[in-house]
Amino acid sequence: IFNFPFIWHFNTYMGAILKIFLAIVIVSMMSNEYSYRTLKQNLIDGLSKREFVLSKFLTVILFAGISTLFVFIVSMILGLSFSDYTEIGIIFSDIEYLLAYFIKLLGFFSFCLFLGILVKRSAFAIGFLVVWWIAESILYGLMKWQFFKDTEIAEQVSQFFPLSAMSNLIIEPFTRLGAVQSAANQLGEEYSKNYDVQFLPILIVCVWTFLFIYWSYVILKKRDL
């Protein structure tokens, strides 16, 4: 798993699982703005609501950027230490997974920022996030097994759900491993997944990111603080 270029796929997928910890920080950050009335004080001091949302979005970008840089450094260290392939062309051949990772975090953190502004309380915002994830899963299940059996409609529709779109940015890497492929072939099964980073999920997540930031501004603009 530490061979280049597979390590980019594996580490970005595993790193994305841990994004919930930074998400809690972002939600708590917004909750504290309300709890300690620093948001109201900043607005009194002359900061516009648009500038406030922009400053929080820049914080989101910073968090996503630092996390991406961390994954890059760790992957380089592990890869250069344990990989059987250290040619420059091979090392950076799947580097697009880092772009997908950054966009995935950017979209997810923007969603958390939106929930933090919408709900105000960090615990409720995280709870809402969990409920949203469950709702997407249930809706996908209903389409897949109830309404559109034996078709690809469920996949085609669910790819536009925000959390599903973020998930689709980086496909699970485990079935890509040679050992798994060999075992599957012995059992008469074959994996035909496309593990590449696709443009459509990137576009969908970018659109959702814009909407979450825009809706955050709209809510803040209309809310009496």
Protein backbone atom coordinates (compact mmCIF):
# COMPACT_ATOMS: atom_id res chain seq x y z
CA ILE A 1 0.00 0.00 0.00
CA PHE A 2 3.02 2.32 0.27
CA ASN A 3 4.05 1.93 -3.36
CA PHE A 4 3.90 4.93 -5.66
CA PRO A 5 1.54 5.92 -7.19
CA PHE A 6 -1.03 3.84 -5.23
CA ILE A 7 -0.11 5.60 -1.99
CA TRP A 8 -1.74 8.84 -3.21
CA HIS A 9 -5.04 7.02 -3.65
CA PHE A 10 -4.82 5.13 -0.37
CA ASN A 11 -3.69 8.00 1.86
CA THR A 12 -6.16 10.55 0.50
CA TYR A 13 -9.01 8.07 0.97
CA MET A 14 -7.98 7.24 4.54
CA GLY A 15 -7.21 10.86 5.36
CA ALA A 16 -10.68 11.94 4.23
CA ILE A 17 -12.23 9.64 6.85
CA LEU A 18 -10.61 11.76 9.57
CA LYS A 19 -12.08 15.01 8.24
CA ILE A 20 -14.83 14.88 10.87
CA PHE A 21 -12.37 16.09 13.53
CA LEU A 22 -11.63 19.31 11.65
CA ALA A 23 -15.34 19.60 10.87
CA ILE A 24 -16.06 19.66 14.62
CA VAL A 25 -13.54 22.50 14.97
CA ILE A 26 -15.27 24.50 12.23
CA VAL A 27 -18.74 23.96 13.68
CA SER A 28 -17.51 24.82 17.18
CA MET A 29 -15.85 27.94 15.80
CA MET A 30 -19.19 29.18 14.48
CA SER A 31 -21.01 28.14 17.64
CA ASN A 32 -18.58 30.18 19.73
CA GLU A 33 -19.19 33.21 17.51
CA TYR A 34 -22.81 33.12 18.64
CA SER A 35 -22.23 31.98 22.24
CA TYR A 36 -19.63 34.64 23.06
CA ARG A 37 -21.29 37.29 20.86
CA THR A 38 -18.04 37.92 18.99
CA LEU A 39 -19.96 37.90 15.71
CA LYS A 40 -22.19 40.74 16.86
CA GLN A 41 -19.21 42.67 18.20
CA ASN A 42 -17.31 42.28 14.92
CA LEU A 43 -20.31 43.61 13.02
CA ILE A 44 -20.58 46.55 15.42
CA ASP A 45 -16.88 47.26 14.87
CA GLY A 46 -17.50 47.66 11.14
CA LEU A 47 -17.05 44.18 9.68
CA SER A 48 -19.76 43.48 7.10
CA LYS A 49 -21.63 40.18 7.04
CA ARG A 50 -20.17 39.48 3.62
CA GLU A 51 -16.65 40.02 4.93
CA PHE A 52 -17.41 37.79 7.91
CA VAL A 53 -18.55 34.88 5.74
CA LEU A 54 -15.56 35.42 3.45
CA SER A 55 -13.19 35.30 6.43
CA LYS A 56 -14.71 32.00 7.57
CA PHE A 57 -14.47 30.59 4.06
CA LEU A 58 -10.80 31.56 3.96
CA THR A 59 -10.41 29.65 7.23
CA VAL A 60 -12.06 26.65 5.57
CA ILE A 61 -9.61 26.94 2.65
CA LEU A 62 -6.72 27.14 5.12
CA PHE A 63 -7.86 24.00 6.97
CA ALA A 64 -8.28 22.09 3.70
CA GLY A 65 -4.92 23.32 2.43
CA ILE A 66 -3.01 22.38 5.59
CA SER A 67 -4.63 18.95 5.66
CA THR A 68 -3.74 18.39 1.99
CA LEU A 69 -0.15 19.48 2.60
CA PHE A 70 0.07 17.11 5.57
CA VAL A 71 -1.15 14.16 3.48
CA PHE A 72 1.33 15.11 0.74
CA ILE A 73 4.28 15.19 3.15
CA VAL A 74 3.30 11.94 4.91
CA SER A 75 2.75 10.18 1.57
CA MET A 76 6.12 11.35 0.25
CA ILE A 77 7.94 10.18 3.38
CA LEU A 78 6.23 6.78 3.43
CA GLY A 79 6.53 6.34 -0.32
CA LEU A 80 10.21 7.25 -0.53
CA SER A 81 10.90 4.97 2.44
CA PHE A 82 8.95 1.88 1.39
CA SER A 83 7.95 2.13 -2.28
CA ASP A 84 9.50 -0.21 -4.84
CA TYR A 85 9.16 2.53 -7.46
CA THR A 86 10.93 5.87 -6.97
CA GLU A 87 11.11 7.25 -10.51
CA ILE A 88 9.82 10.83 -10.71
CA GLY A 89 7.28 9.96 -13.41
CA ILE A 90 5.79 7.19 -11.28
CA ILE A 91 5.87 9.15 -8.02
CA PHE A 92 3.68 11.96 -9.35
CA SER A 93 1.54 9.98 -11.82
CA ASP A 94 -1.57 9.92 -9.57
CA ILE A 95 -1.07 13.29 -7.89
CA GLU A 96 -4.60 14.34 -8.94
CA TYR A 97 -5.88 12.49 -5.88
CA LEU A 98 -4.50 15.36 -3.79
CA LEU A 99 -6.63 17.81 -5.79
CA ALA A 100 -9.68 15.61 -5.24
CA TYR A 101 -8.82 15.42 -1.53
CA PHE A 102 -8.56 19.21 -1.25
CA ILE A 103 -11.88 19.76 -3.05
CA LYS A 104 -13.53 17.08 -0.92
CA LEU A 105 -12.43 18.77 2.29
CA LEU A 106 -13.34 22.21 0.94
CA GLY A 107 -16.87 21.05 0.14
CA PHE A 108 -17.34 19.19 3.41
CA PHE A 109 -16.01 22.02 5.57
CA SER A 110 -18.19 24.53 3.68
CA PHE A 111 -21.19 22.31 4.44
CA CYS A 112 -20.20 22.29 8.12
CA LEU A 113 -19.78 26.08 8.09
CA PHE A 114 -23.26 26.42 6.60
CA LEU A 115 -24.72 24.13 9.27
CA GLY A 116 -22.89 26.05 11.99
CA ILE A 117 -24.44 29.31 10.81
CA LEU A 118 -27.86 27.73 10.27
CA VAL A 119 -28.19 25.86 13.58
CA LYS A 120 -25.89 27.94 15.85
CA ARG A 121 -25.24 25.06 18.28
CA SER A 122 -22.31 22.77 17.51
CA ALA A 123 -23.93 19.59 18.86
CA PHE A 124 -27.11 20.20 16.84
CA ALA A 125 -25.09 21.02 13.73
CA ILE A 126 -23.13 17.75 13.96
CA GLY A 127 -26.40 15.93 14.65
CA PHE A 128 -27.96 17.53 11.57
CA LEU A 129 -24.95 16.40 9.53
CA VAL A 130 -25.46 12.80 10.68
CA VAL A 131 -29.19 12.98 9.94
CA TRP A 132 -28.43 14.35 6.46
CA TRP A 133 -26.03 11.47 5.79
CA ILE A 134 -28.65 8.95 6.95
CA ALA A 135 -31.31 10.64 4.81
CA GLU A 136 -29.11 10.43 1.70
CA SER A 137 -28.46 6.74 2.40
CA ILE A 138 -32.15 5.97 2.90
CA LEU A 139 -33.16 7.88 -0.22
CA TYR A 140 -30.53 6.05 -2.26
CA GLY A 141 -31.69 2.71 -0.85
CA LEU A 142 -35.32 3.44 -1.72
CA MET A 143 -34.40 4.39 -5.27
CA LYS A 144 -32.07 1.41 -5.67
CA TRP A 145 -34.25 -1.33 -4.21
CA GLN A 146 -37.80 0.03 -4.34
CA PHE A 147 -38.48 2.53 -7.09
CA PHE A 148 -35.82 1.90 -9.75
CA LYS A 149 -34.76 -1.73 -9.45
CA ASP A 150 -32.32 -3.13 -12.00
CA THR A 151 -31.47 0.32 -13.36
CA GLU A 152 -28.70 2.87 -12.92
CA ILE A 153 -31.13 5.67 -12.04
CA ALA A 154 -30.34 5.55 -8.32
CA GLU A 155 -26.62 6.06 -9.00
CA GLN A 156 -27.28 8.77 -11.57
CA VAL A 157 -29.51 10.73 -9.18
CA SER A 158 -27.56 10.19 -5.95
CA GLN A 159 -24.31 11.43 -7.48
CA PHE A 160 -25.77 14.93 -7.19
CA PHE A 161 -26.38 14.61 -3.42
CA PRO A 162 -23.75 16.71 -1.60
CA LEU A 163 -22.25 14.01 0.63
CA SER A 164 -22.48 11.38 -2.10
CA ALA A 165 -20.72 13.70 -4.54
CA MET A 166 -17.93 14.24 -2.01
CA SER A 167 -17.66 10.49 -1.51
CA ASN A 168 -17.46 9.91 -5.27
CA LEU A 169 -14.39 12.14 -5.56
CA ILE A 170 -12.14 9.38 -4.23
CA ILE A 171 -13.30 5.81 -4.87
CA GLU A 172 -12.32 3.20 -2.26
CA PRO A 173 -8.82 1.89 -3.06
CA PHE A 174 -8.93 -1.57 -1.49
CA THR A 175 -10.25 -3.49 -4.49
CA ARG A 176 -7.45 -1.91 -6.50
CA LEU A 177 -4.83 -3.87 -4.54
CA GLY A 178 -3.19 -6.71 -6.45
CA ALA A 179 -3.88 -9.24 -3.68
CA VAL A 180 -7.60 -8.44 -3.72
CA GLN A 181 -7.72 -8.61 -7.51
CA SER A 182 -5.98 -12.01 -7.49
CA ALA A 183 -8.34 -13.39 -4.85
CA ALA A 184 -11.35 -12.13 -6.80
CA ASN A 185 -10.08 -13.76 -10.00
CA GLN A 186 -9.68 -17.08 -8.21
CA LEU A 187 -13.28 -16.83 -7.06
CA GLY A 188 -14.41 -16.09 -10.59
CA GLU A 189 -15.21 -12.44 -9.90
CA GLU A 190 -13.79 -9.38 -11.55
CA TYR A 191 -13.65 -5.74 -10.45
CA SER A 192 -14.15 -3.27 -13.27
CA LYS A 193 -14.24 -0.01 -11.31
CA ASN A 194 -12.84 3.20 -12.67
CA TYR A 195 -10.60 4.48 -9.88
CA ASP A 196 -9.58 7.67 -11.66
CA VAL A 197 -10.56 11.10 -10.38
CA GLN A 198 -13.55 12.17 -12.48
CA PHE A 199 -14.42 15.69 -13.59
CA LEU A 200 -18.18 15.48 -12.87
CA PRO A 201 -17.87 14.87 -9.10
CA ILE A 202 -15.36 17.72 -8.91
CA LEU A 203 -17.81 20.04 -10.68
CA ILE A 204 -20.74 18.93 -8.49
CA VAL A 205 -18.79 19.46 -5.25
CA CYS A 206 -17.58 22.88 -6.42
CA VAL A 207 -21.17 23.91 -7.13
CA TRP A 208 -22.29 22.68 -3.70
CA THR A 209 -19.40 24.55 -2.09
CA PHE A 210 -20.49 27.78 -3.75
CA LEU A 211 -24.11 27.19 -2.69
CA PHE A 212 -23.17 26.48 0.94
CA ILE A 213 -21.13 29.67 1.19
CA TYR A 214 -23.82 31.71 -0.60
CA TRP A 215 -26.58 30.30 1.61
CA SER A 216 -24.46 31.04 4.69
CA TYR A 217 -24.28 34.67 3.62
CA VAL A 218 -28.02 34.82 2.85
CA ILE A 219 -28.92 33.38 6.27
CA LEU A 220 -26.58 35.75 8.06
CA LYS A 221 -27.83 38.72 6.05
CA LYS A 222 -31.48 38.06 6.94
CA ARG A 223 -30.88 37.07 10.56
CA ASP A 224 -31.31 39.64 13.32
CA LEU A 225 -28.20 39.36 15.46
